[in-house]
Protein backbone atom coordinates (compact mmCIF):
# COMPACT_ATOMS: atom_id res chain seq x y z
CA MET A 1 -6.03 -67.26 -26.65
CA LYS A 2 -6.95 -67.31 -22.97
CA SER A 3 -4.23 -69.85 -22.19
CA ASP A 4 -1.65 -67.68 -23.99
CA ILE A 5 -2.54 -64.70 -21.80
CA GLN A 6 -2.35 -66.88 -18.68
CA ASN A 7 1.09 -68.15 -19.72
CA VAL A 8 2.31 -64.58 -20.28
CA ILE A 9 0.99 -63.58 -16.84
CA LYS A 10 2.64 -66.59 -15.16
CA ASP A 11 5.96 -65.83 -16.89
CA SER A 12 5.71 -62.21 -15.84
CA ILE A 13 5.05 -63.19 -12.22
CA LYS A 14 8.06 -65.56 -12.26
CA ASP A 15 10.29 -62.83 -13.71
CA ASN A 16 9.09 -60.33 -11.12
CA ARG A 17 9.77 -62.80 -8.30
CA ARG A 18 13.28 -63.43 -9.63
CA LEU A 19 13.90 -59.70 -9.87
CA LEU A 20 12.62 -59.03 -6.36
CA THR A 21 14.70 -61.91 -4.98
CA ALA A 22 17.82 -60.56 -6.71
CA LEU A 23 17.18 -57.07 -5.37
CA GLY A 24 16.54 -58.42 -1.88
CA ASN A 25 19.87 -60.26 -1.88
CA GLU A 26 21.93 -57.17 -2.68
CA LYS A 27 23.88 -55.58 0.12
CA PRO A 28 22.95 -52.01 1.05
CA ILE A 29 25.14 -49.19 -0.19
CA LYS A 30 27.03 -47.42 2.56
CA ASP A 31 27.43 -43.66 2.37
CA ILE A 32 30.98 -42.90 3.48
CA HIS A 33 32.04 -39.41 4.48
CA HIS A 34 35.65 -38.43 4.89
CA GLN A 35 36.79 -35.68 7.20
CA GLU A 36 38.62 -33.91 4.38
CA GLU A 37 35.47 -33.81 2.25
CA ASP A 38 33.45 -32.53 5.20
CA LEU A 39 36.03 -29.81 5.85
CA ILE A 40 36.10 -28.73 2.21
CA SER A 41 32.31 -28.63 1.96
CA SER A 42 32.12 -26.63 5.21
CA LEU A 43 34.64 -24.11 3.87
CA LEU A 44 32.80 -23.84 0.57
CA ASN A 45 29.56 -23.15 2.44
CA LEU A 46 31.26 -20.15 4.08
CA LEU A 47 32.12 -18.54 0.74
CA PRO A 48 29.70 -15.93 -0.58
CA LYS A 49 27.33 -17.05 -3.31
CA SER A 50 26.66 -13.70 -5.00
CA ALA A 51 29.04 -11.94 -7.36
CA ALA A 52 29.13 -8.86 -5.13
CA GLY A 53 30.05 -11.00 -2.15
CA LYS A 54 32.84 -12.70 -4.09
CA ILE A 55 34.22 -9.31 -5.19
CA ALA A 56 34.11 -8.04 -1.60
CA LEU A 57 35.93 -11.14 -0.39
CA LEU A 58 38.62 -10.78 -3.05
CA GLY A 59 39.01 -7.10 -2.12
CA ALA A 60 39.42 -7.94 1.55
CA VAL A 61 42.00 -10.62 0.77
CA GLY A 62 43.84 -8.21 -1.54
CA ILE A 63 43.91 -5.41 1.04
CA THR A 64 45.13 -7.83 3.71
CA ALA A 65 47.90 -9.05 1.41
CA ILE A 66 49.00 -5.47 0.62
CA VAL A 67 49.04 -4.50 4.31
CA ALA A 68 51.01 -7.63 5.21
CA TRP A 69 53.49 -6.97 2.41
CA LYS A 70 54.01 -3.35 3.50
CA LEU A 71 54.47 -4.42 7.13
CA LEU A 72 57.07 -7.00 6.14
CA HIS A 73 59.04 -4.53 4.00
CA SER A 74 58.87 -1.66 6.49
CA LYS A 75 60.99 -3.49 9.09
């Protein structure tokens, strides 16, 4: 009984060493950022998070579009 437990422990230690060796041999993962992704995330951070802020932004864009359209057609 005691020898069986010792064998299980020895096997477990061997498996753990193999696992740690395999993990130690892996190359690190590089985190790559692209300028386009950084630009998009920066623009998304500028957008309002609340519903009222989103409605206000849409209203401002709509008013700007109407004013631009009227200016273009008045000339």
